[in-house]
Amino acid sequence: MYPADLVKPMREDLTKAGFQELHTEAEVDAAMQKKGTTLVVVNSVCGCAAANARPGARISIQNDKRPDNLVTVFAGVDKEATDKARGYMIPFPPSSPSIALFKDGELVHMLERHHIEGRPAEMIAANLTGAFNEFC
């Protein structure tokens, strides 16, 4: 587990953009049962989360079509919530960071770490906005 002071600015990177943090399994289940579209960001302390995933997610939600619900779990911090969210992402293996789009609780689009790492935030955002335009 990472110290709270270390991850605070990393959490705020998404919460200030409108993402709701999920800390428990029950919160994840409640979020996944909402109707409409839900974007789930598995946040992380790694460099590709800071340089690519979080900025890409923030840029993507400026799109005209965007998910109804924006949520995030933090790998290495909120273990139970992260494990529960990853359970909804099966058959994809656990990956940090990662970004998943759900429609009425069904996984419809997934970005794993290998889709994020080494790609600019604008490319991540373009990938996500394409999915938003299709599913939202």
N, C-alpha and C. Protein backbone atom coordinates (compact mmCIF):
# COMPACT_ATOMS: atom_id res chain seq x y z
N MET A 1 0.84 -1.18 0.00
CA MET A 1 0.00 0.00 0.00
C MET A 1 0.89 1.25 0.00
N TYR A 2 0.47 2.21 -0.77
CA TYR A 2 1.23 3.45 -0.88
C TYR A 2 0.73 4.45 0.16
N PRO A 3 1.63 5.32 0.65
CA PRO A 3 1.21 6.33 1.63
C PRO A 3 0.19 7.30 1.03
N ALA A 4 -0.77 7.69 1.86
CA ALA A 4 -1.85 8.58 1.42
C ALA A 4 -1.32 9.90 0.85
N ASP A 5 -0.27 10.45 1.47
CA ASP A 5 0.29 11.71 0.99
C ASP A 5 0.88 11.58 -0.41
N LEU A 6 1.43 10.41 -0.71
CA LEU A 6 2.02 10.18 -2.02
C LEU A 6 0.96 10.14 -3.11
N VAL A 7 -0.15 9.46 -2.86
CA VAL A 7 -1.16 9.26 -3.90
C VAL A 7 -2.20 10.37 -3.98
N LYS A 8 -2.24 11.24 -2.99
CA LYS A 8 -3.26 12.31 -2.97
C LYS A 8 -3.29 13.11 -4.27
N PRO A 9 -2.16 13.64 -4.76
CA PRO A 9 -2.23 14.40 -6.01
C PRO A 9 -2.60 13.53 -7.21
N MET A 10 -2.27 12.26 -7.17
CA MET A 10 -2.61 11.35 -8.26
C MET A 10 -4.11 11.06 -8.27
N ARG A 11 -4.69 10.96 -7.09
CA ARG A 11 -6.15 10.79 -6.98
C ARG A 11 -6.85 12.05 -7.49
N GLU A 12 -6.37 13.21 -7.03
CA GLU A 12 -6.99 14.49 -7.38
C GLU A 12 -6.90 14.79 -8.87
N ASP A 13 -5.92 14.20 -9.53
CA ASP A 13 -5.79 14.39 -10.97
C ASP A 13 -7.07 13.97 -11.68
N LEU A 14 -7.75 12.95 -11.16
CA LEU A 14 -9.01 12.49 -11.75
C LEU A 14 -10.23 13.05 -11.03
N THR A 15 -10.18 13.14 -9.71
CA THR A 15 -11.38 13.60 -9.00
C THR A 15 -11.70 15.06 -9.32
N LYS A 16 -10.68 15.88 -9.52
CA LYS A 16 -10.93 17.27 -9.89
C LYS A 16 -11.54 17.39 -11.28
N ALA A 17 -11.39 16.34 -12.09
CA ALA A 17 -11.98 16.32 -13.43
C ALA A 17 -13.39 15.73 -13.42
N GLY A 18 -13.84 15.27 -12.24
CA GLY A 18 -15.21 14.76 -12.13
C GLY A 18 -15.34 13.27 -11.91
N PHE A 19 -14.24 12.57 -11.76
CA PHE A 19 -14.29 11.13 -11.49
C PHE A 19 -14.60 10.89 -10.01
N GLN A 20 -15.43 9.91 -9.75
CA GLN A 20 -15.77 9.51 -8.38
C GLN A 20 -14.84 8.37 -7.98
N GLU A 21 -14.21 8.51 -6.83
CA GLU A 21 -13.37 7.43 -6.32
C GLU A 21 -14.23 6.35 -5.70
N LEU A 22 -13.86 5.10 -5.97
CA LEU A 22 -14.52 3.96 -5.37
C LEU A 22 -13.50 3.28 -4.46
N HIS A 23 -13.87 3.12 -3.19
CA HIS A 23 -12.93 2.57 -2.22
C HIS A 23 -13.30 1.18 -1.73
N THR A 24 -14.53 0.74 -1.99
CA THR A 24 -14.99 -0.55 -1.46
C THR A 24 -15.61 -1.40 -2.57
N GLU A 25 -15.73 -2.68 -2.30
CA GLU A 25 -16.38 -3.58 -3.24
C GLU A 25 -17.82 -3.15 -3.47
N ALA A 26 -18.51 -2.75 -2.41
CA ALA A 26 -19.91 -2.33 -2.53
C ALA A 26 -20.06 -1.11 -3.43
N GLU A 27 -19.13 -0.16 -3.32
CA GLU A 27 -19.18 1.02 -4.19
C GLU A 27 -18.97 0.64 -5.65
N VAL A 28 -18.07 -0.31 -5.90
CA VAL A 28 -17.84 -0.77 -7.26
C VAL A 28 -19.09 -1.45 -7.80
N ASP A 29 -19.68 -2.35 -7.02
CA ASP A 29 -20.90 -3.03 -7.46
C ASP A 29 -22.01 -2.02 -7.76
N ALA A 30 -22.17 -1.03 -6.91
CA ALA A 30 -23.22 -0.02 -7.12
C ALA A 30 -22.96 0.76 -8.41
N ALA A 31 -21.72 1.12 -8.66
CA ALA A 31 -21.37 1.86 -9.88
C ALA A 31 -21.63 1.01 -11.12
N MET A 32 -21.33 -0.26 -11.05
CA MET A 32 -21.47 -1.13 -12.21
C MET A 32 -22.93 -1.49 -12.50
N GLN A 33 -23.80 -1.27 -11.55
CA GLN A 33 -25.22 -1.57 -11.75
C GLN A 33 -26.01 -0.38 -12.27
N LYS A 34 -25.35 0.75 -12.41
CA LYS A 34 -26.03 1.93 -12.95
C LYS A 34 -26.32 1.74 -14.43
N LYS A 35 -27.45 2.23 -14.87
CA LYS A 35 -27.80 2.20 -16.29
C LYS A 35 -26.96 3.24 -17.02
N GLY A 36 -26.78 3.01 -18.30
CA GLY A 36 -26.00 3.94 -19.10
C GLY A 36 -24.56 3.49 -19.20
N THR A 37 -23.69 4.44 -19.50
CA THR A 37 -22.28 4.12 -19.71
C THR A 37 -21.45 4.58 -18.50
N THR A 38 -20.45 3.76 -18.20
CA THR A 38 -19.57 4.03 -17.07
C THR A 38 -18.13 3.83 -17.51
N LEU A 39 -17.31 4.86 -17.29
CA LEU A 39 -15.88 4.77 -17.57
C LEU A 39 -15.17 4.49 -16.26
N VAL A 40 -14.37 3.42 -16.23
CA VAL A 40 -13.62 3.04 -15.04
C VAL A 40 -12.13 3.19 -15.34
N VAL A 41 -11.46 4.03 -14.58
CA VAL A 41 -10.01 4.18 -14.69
C VAL A 41 -9.36 3.49 -13.51
N VAL A 42 -8.51 2.50 -13.80
CA VAL A 42 -7.69 1.89 -12.76
C VAL A 42 -6.44 2.74 -12.67
N ASN A 43 -6.38 3.58 -11.65
CA ASN A 43 -5.29 4.53 -11.46
C ASN A 43 -4.08 3.81 -10.88
N SER A 44 -2.93 4.43 -11.02
CA SER A 44 -1.68 3.82 -10.59
C SER A 44 -0.64 4.91 -10.32
N VAL A 45 0.40 4.54 -9.58
CA VAL A 45 1.49 5.49 -9.31
C VAL A 45 2.53 5.50 -10.42
N CYS A 46 2.41 4.63 -11.39
CA CYS A 46 3.44 4.50 -12.42
C CYS A 46 3.48 5.72 -13.34
N GLY A 47 4.57 5.86 -14.03
CA GLY A 47 4.77 6.99 -14.93
C GLY A 47 3.80 7.02 -16.08
N CYS A 48 3.40 5.85 -16.60
CA CYS A 48 2.46 5.87 -17.74
C CYS A 48 1.06 6.27 -17.30
N ALA A 49 0.74 6.11 -16.02
CA ALA A 49 -0.54 6.63 -15.53
C ALA A 49 -0.48 8.16 -15.50
N ALA A 50 0.65 8.69 -15.04
CA ALA A 50 0.80 10.14 -14.92
C ALA A 50 0.90 10.82 -16.28
N ALA A 51 1.65 10.24 -17.19
CA ALA A 51 1.91 10.89 -18.48
C ALA A 51 0.87 10.57 -19.54
N ASN A 52 0.20 9.42 -19.42
CA ASN A 52 -0.65 8.97 -20.51
C ASN A 52 -2.09 8.71 -20.08
N ALA A 53 -2.30 7.85 -19.10
CA ALA A 53 -3.66 7.39 -18.75
C ALA A 53 -4.52 8.50 -18.16
N ARG A 54 -4.05 9.13 -17.09
CA ARG A 54 -4.87 10.17 -16.46
C ARG A 54 -5.11 11.35 -17.39
N PRO A 55 -4.07 11.89 -18.04
CA PRO A 55 -4.33 12.99 -18.97
C PRO A 55 -5.24 12.56 -20.13
N GLY A 56 -5.04 11.36 -20.65
CA GLY A 56 -5.88 10.87 -21.74
C GLY A 56 -7.34 10.76 -21.32
N ALA A 57 -7.57 10.26 -20.11
CA ALA A 57 -8.94 10.16 -19.61
C ALA A 57 -9.55 11.55 -19.45
N ARG A 58 -8.78 12.49 -18.90
CA ARG A 58 -9.29 13.85 -18.70
C ARG A 58 -9.63 14.52 -20.04
N ILE A 59 -8.76 14.37 -21.01
CA ILE A 59 -8.99 14.96 -22.33
C ILE A 59 -10.23 14.33 -22.97
N SER A 60 -10.36 13.03 -22.84
CA SER A 60 -11.45 12.31 -23.53
C SER A 60 -12.83 12.76 -23.09
N ILE A 61 -12.97 13.15 -21.84
CA ILE A 61 -14.31 13.51 -21.35
C ILE A 61 -14.72 14.92 -21.76
N GLN A 62 -13.88 15.59 -22.54
CA GLN A 62 -14.26 16.88 -23.12
C GLN A 62 -15.05 16.67 -24.41
N ASN A 63 -15.15 15.43 -24.85
CA ASN A 63 -15.89 15.06 -26.06
C ASN A 63 -17.38 15.36 -25.88
N ASP A 64 -18.07 15.66 -26.98
CA ASP A 64 -19.51 15.91 -26.91
C ASP A 64 -20.26 14.71 -26.35
N LYS A 65 -19.91 13.52 -26.81
CA LYS A 65 -20.48 12.29 -26.26
C LYS A 65 -19.49 11.78 -25.22
N ARG A 66 -20.01 11.55 -24.02
CA ARG A 66 -19.13 11.07 -22.95
C ARG A 66 -19.94 10.15 -22.05
N PRO A 67 -19.25 9.35 -21.24
CA PRO A 67 -19.96 8.42 -20.36
C PRO A 67 -20.84 9.14 -19.34
N ASP A 68 -21.90 8.44 -18.95
CA ASP A 68 -22.81 8.96 -17.93
C ASP A 68 -22.14 9.00 -16.56
N ASN A 69 -21.27 8.03 -16.31
CA ASN A 69 -20.63 7.88 -15.00
C ASN A 69 -19.12 7.77 -15.17
N LEU A 70 -18.40 8.50 -14.34
CA LEU A 70 -16.94 8.48 -14.37
C LEU A 70 -16.46 8.03 -13.00
N VAL A 71 -15.76 6.89 -12.95
CA VAL A 71 -15.30 6.36 -11.67
C VAL A 71 -13.85 5.92 -11.78
N THR A 72 -13.22 5.79 -10.61
CA THR A 72 -11.82 5.36 -10.57
C THR A 72 -11.55 4.55 -9.31
N VAL A 73 -10.67 3.58 -9.46
CA VAL A 73 -10.12 2.83 -8.34
C VAL A 73 -8.61 3.00 -8.40
N PHE A 74 -7.95 2.83 -7.26
CA PHE A 74 -6.51 3.06 -7.24
C PHE A 74 -5.78 1.77 -6.89
N ALA A 75 -5.07 1.21 -7.88
CA ALA A 75 -4.30 -0.01 -7.67
C ALA A 75 -3.19 0.25 -6.66
N GLY A 76 -2.98 -0.70 -5.77
CA GLY A 76 -1.95 -0.56 -4.76
C GLY A 76 -2.38 0.27 -3.57
N VAL A 77 -3.63 0.75 -3.58
CA VAL A 77 -4.15 1.54 -2.48
C VAL A 77 -5.48 0.96 -2.02
N ASP A 78 -6.46 0.95 -2.91
CA ASP A 78 -7.79 0.42 -2.60
C ASP A 78 -7.89 -0.98 -3.19
N LYS A 79 -7.21 -1.93 -2.54
CA LYS A 79 -7.06 -3.28 -3.08
C LYS A 79 -8.38 -3.96 -3.36
N GLU A 80 -9.30 -3.97 -2.40
CA GLU A 80 -10.56 -4.69 -2.59
C GLU A 80 -11.38 -4.07 -3.72
N ALA A 81 -11.45 -2.76 -3.76
CA ALA A 81 -12.20 -2.08 -4.82
C ALA A 81 -11.56 -2.35 -6.18
N THR A 82 -10.25 -2.31 -6.24
CA THR A 82 -9.54 -2.56 -7.49
C THR A 82 -9.76 -3.99 -7.96
N ASP A 83 -9.65 -4.94 -7.04
CA ASP A 83 -9.88 -6.34 -7.41
C ASP A 83 -11.30 -6.55 -7.91
N LYS A 84 -12.27 -5.91 -7.27
CA LYS A 84 -13.67 -6.04 -7.67
C LYS A 84 -13.87 -5.43 -9.06
N ALA A 85 -13.31 -4.25 -9.31
CA ALA A 85 -13.43 -3.62 -10.63
C ALA A 85 -12.78 -4.49 -11.70
N ARG A 86 -11.63 -5.05 -11.39
CA ARG A 86 -10.95 -5.92 -12.36
C ARG A 86 -11.78 -7.16 -12.66
N GLY A 87 -12.55 -7.61 -11.69
CA GLY A 87 -13.44 -8.75 -11.92
C GLY A 87 -14.45 -8.47 -13.01
N TYR A 88 -14.89 -7.24 -13.11
CA TYR A 88 -15.82 -6.85 -14.17
C TYR A 88 -15.12 -6.76 -15.53
N MET A 89 -13.79 -6.70 -15.52
CA MET A 89 -13.02 -6.54 -16.75
C MET A 89 -12.56 -7.87 -17.35
N ILE A 90 -12.92 -8.97 -16.73
CA ILE A 90 -12.57 -10.29 -17.27
C ILE A 90 -13.20 -10.41 -18.65
N PRO A 91 -12.50 -10.89 -19.65
CA PRO A 91 -11.37 -11.79 -19.64
C PRO A 91 -10.00 -11.11 -19.68
N PHE A 92 -9.96 -9.80 -19.55
CA PHE A 92 -8.67 -9.11 -19.59
C PHE A 92 -7.94 -9.30 -18.27
N PRO A 93 -6.64 -9.57 -18.32
CA PRO A 93 -5.88 -9.75 -17.08
C PRO A 93 -5.71 -8.42 -16.33
N PRO A 94 -5.43 -8.50 -15.03
CA PRO A 94 -5.21 -7.27 -14.26
C PRO A 94 -4.11 -6.43 -14.90
N SER A 95 -4.35 -5.13 -14.94
CA SER A 95 -3.43 -4.21 -15.60
C SER A 95 -3.55 -2.85 -14.94
N SER A 96 -2.41 -2.25 -14.64
CA SER A 96 -2.40 -0.90 -14.06
C SER A 96 -1.39 -0.06 -14.81
N PRO A 97 -1.83 1.06 -15.32
CA PRO A 97 -3.19 1.55 -15.35
C PRO A 97 -3.99 0.81 -16.43
N SER A 98 -5.29 0.99 -16.38
CA SER A 98 -6.16 0.50 -17.44
C SER A 98 -7.43 1.34 -17.42
N ILE A 99 -8.15 1.30 -18.53
CA ILE A 99 -9.37 2.10 -18.65
C ILE A 99 -10.41 1.24 -19.36
N ALA A 100 -11.58 1.14 -18.75
CA ALA A 100 -12.64 0.30 -19.30
C ALA A 100 -13.93 1.10 -19.43
N LEU A 101 -14.65 0.84 -20.51
CA LEU A 101 -15.95 1.46 -20.72
C LEU A 101 -17.01 0.37 -20.67
N PHE A 102 -18.03 0.61 -19.87
CA PHE A 102 -19.14 -0.32 -19.70
C PHE A 102 -20.43 0.35 -20.16
N LYS A 103 -21.31 -0.44 -20.73
CA LYS A 103 -22.65 0.04 -21.08
C LYS A 103 -23.64 -0.89 -20.40
N ASP A 104 -24.47 -0.32 -19.53
CA ASP A 104 -25.42 -1.11 -18.74
C ASP A 104 -24.74 -2.30 -18.07
N GLY A 105 -23.53 -2.07 -17.54
CA GLY A 105 -22.79 -3.09 -16.82
C GLY A 105 -22.00 -4.06 -17.66
N GLU A 106 -22.09 -3.95 -18.99
CA GLU A 106 -21.36 -4.85 -19.89
C GLU A 106 -20.12 -4.15 -20.43
N LEU A 107 -18.99 -4.83 -20.35
CA LEU A 107 -17.73 -4.29 -20.87
C LEU A 107 -17.82 -4.16 -22.39
N VAL A 108 -17.61 -2.95 -22.90
CA VAL A 108 -17.70 -2.71 -24.35
C VAL A 108 -16.39 -2.21 -24.95
N HIS A 109 -15.46 -1.74 -24.12
CA HIS A 109 -14.18 -1.22 -24.64
C HIS A 109 -13.15 -1.28 -23.52
N MET A 110 -11.93 -1.68 -23.88
CA MET A 110 -10.89 -1.86 -22.86
C MET A 110 -9.55 -1.37 -23.37
N LEU A 111 -8.87 -0.60 -22.54
CA LEU A 111 -7.48 -0.22 -22.78
C LEU A 111 -6.64 -0.81 -21.65
N GLU A 112 -5.76 -1.72 -22.01
CA GLU A 112 -4.84 -2.29 -21.03
C GLU A 112 -3.56 -1.46 -20.99
N ARG A 113 -2.72 -1.77 -20.03
CA ARG A 113 -1.46 -1.02 -19.88
C ARG A 113 -0.68 -0.98 -21.19
N HIS A 114 -0.63 -2.11 -21.90
CA HIS A 114 0.17 -2.12 -23.13
C HIS A 114 -0.44 -1.24 -24.23
N HIS A 115 -1.70 -0.84 -24.10
CA HIS A 115 -2.31 0.11 -25.02
C HIS A 115 -2.00 1.55 -24.60
N ILE A 116 -1.60 1.73 -23.35
CA ILE A 116 -1.40 3.05 -22.76
C ILE A 116 0.07 3.43 -22.73
N GLU A 117 0.90 2.52 -22.28
CA GLU A 117 2.32 2.78 -22.08
C GLU A 117 2.99 3.19 -23.39
N GLY A 118 3.69 4.31 -23.36
CA GLY A 118 4.44 4.77 -24.52
C GLY A 118 3.62 5.50 -25.57
N ARG A 119 2.34 5.68 -25.29
CA ARG A 119 1.48 6.40 -26.23
C ARG A 119 1.10 7.74 -25.62
N PRO A 120 1.07 8.79 -26.43
CA PRO A 120 0.73 10.10 -25.88
C PRO A 120 -0.71 10.17 -25.40
N ALA A 121 -0.96 11.05 -24.45
CA ALA A 121 -2.30 11.22 -23.88
C ALA A 121 -3.33 11.50 -24.95
N GLU A 122 -2.96 12.24 -25.98
CA GLU A 122 -3.89 12.57 -27.05
C GLU A 122 -4.33 11.32 -27.82
N MET A 123 -3.44 10.35 -27.94
CA MET A 123 -3.78 9.10 -28.61
C MET A 123 -4.74 8.27 -27.75
N ILE A 124 -4.49 8.27 -26.44
CA ILE A 124 -5.38 7.58 -25.50
C ILE A 124 -6.76 8.23 -25.57
N ALA A 125 -6.79 9.55 -25.55
CA ALA A 125 -8.06 10.29 -25.61
C ALA A 125 -8.80 9.99 -26.92
N ALA A 126 -8.08 9.95 -28.03
CA ALA A 126 -8.71 9.67 -29.32
C ALA A 126 -9.32 8.27 -29.34
N ASN A 127 -8.61 7.32 -28.75
CA ASN A 127 -9.14 5.96 -28.67
C ASN A 127 -10.43 5.95 -27.85
N LEU A 128 -10.41 6.62 -26.72
CA LEU A 128 -11.58 6.66 -25.84
C LEU A 128 -12.74 7.41 -26.49
N THR A 129 -12.48 8.53 -27.13
CA THR A 129 -13.58 9.28 -27.73
C THR A 129 -14.22 8.49 -28.87
N GLY A 130 -13.44 7.69 -29.56
CA GLY A 130 -14.01 6.81 -30.57
C GLY A 130 -15.01 5.84 -29.94
N ALA A 131 -14.63 5.29 -28.78
CA ALA A 131 -15.53 4.39 -28.07
C ALA A 131 -16.75 5.14 -27.54
N PHE A 132 -16.55 6.36 -27.05
CA PHE A 132 -17.68 7.16 -26.55
C PHE A 132 -18.67 7.44 -27.69
N ASN A 133 -18.12 7.79 -28.85
CA ASN A 133 -18.99 8.10 -29.99
C ASN A 133 -19.81 6.88 -30.43
N GLU A 134 -19.26 5.71 -30.21
CA GLU A 134 -19.97 4.48 -30.58
C GLU A 134 -20.97 4.04 -29.53
N PHE A 135 -20.61 4.15 -28.24
CA PHE A 135 -21.40 3.52 -27.19
C PHE A 135 -22.18 4.50 -26.30
N CYS A 136 -21.82 5.77 -26.30
CA CYS A 136 -22.48 6.72 -25.38
C CYS A 136 -23.62 7.46 -26.07
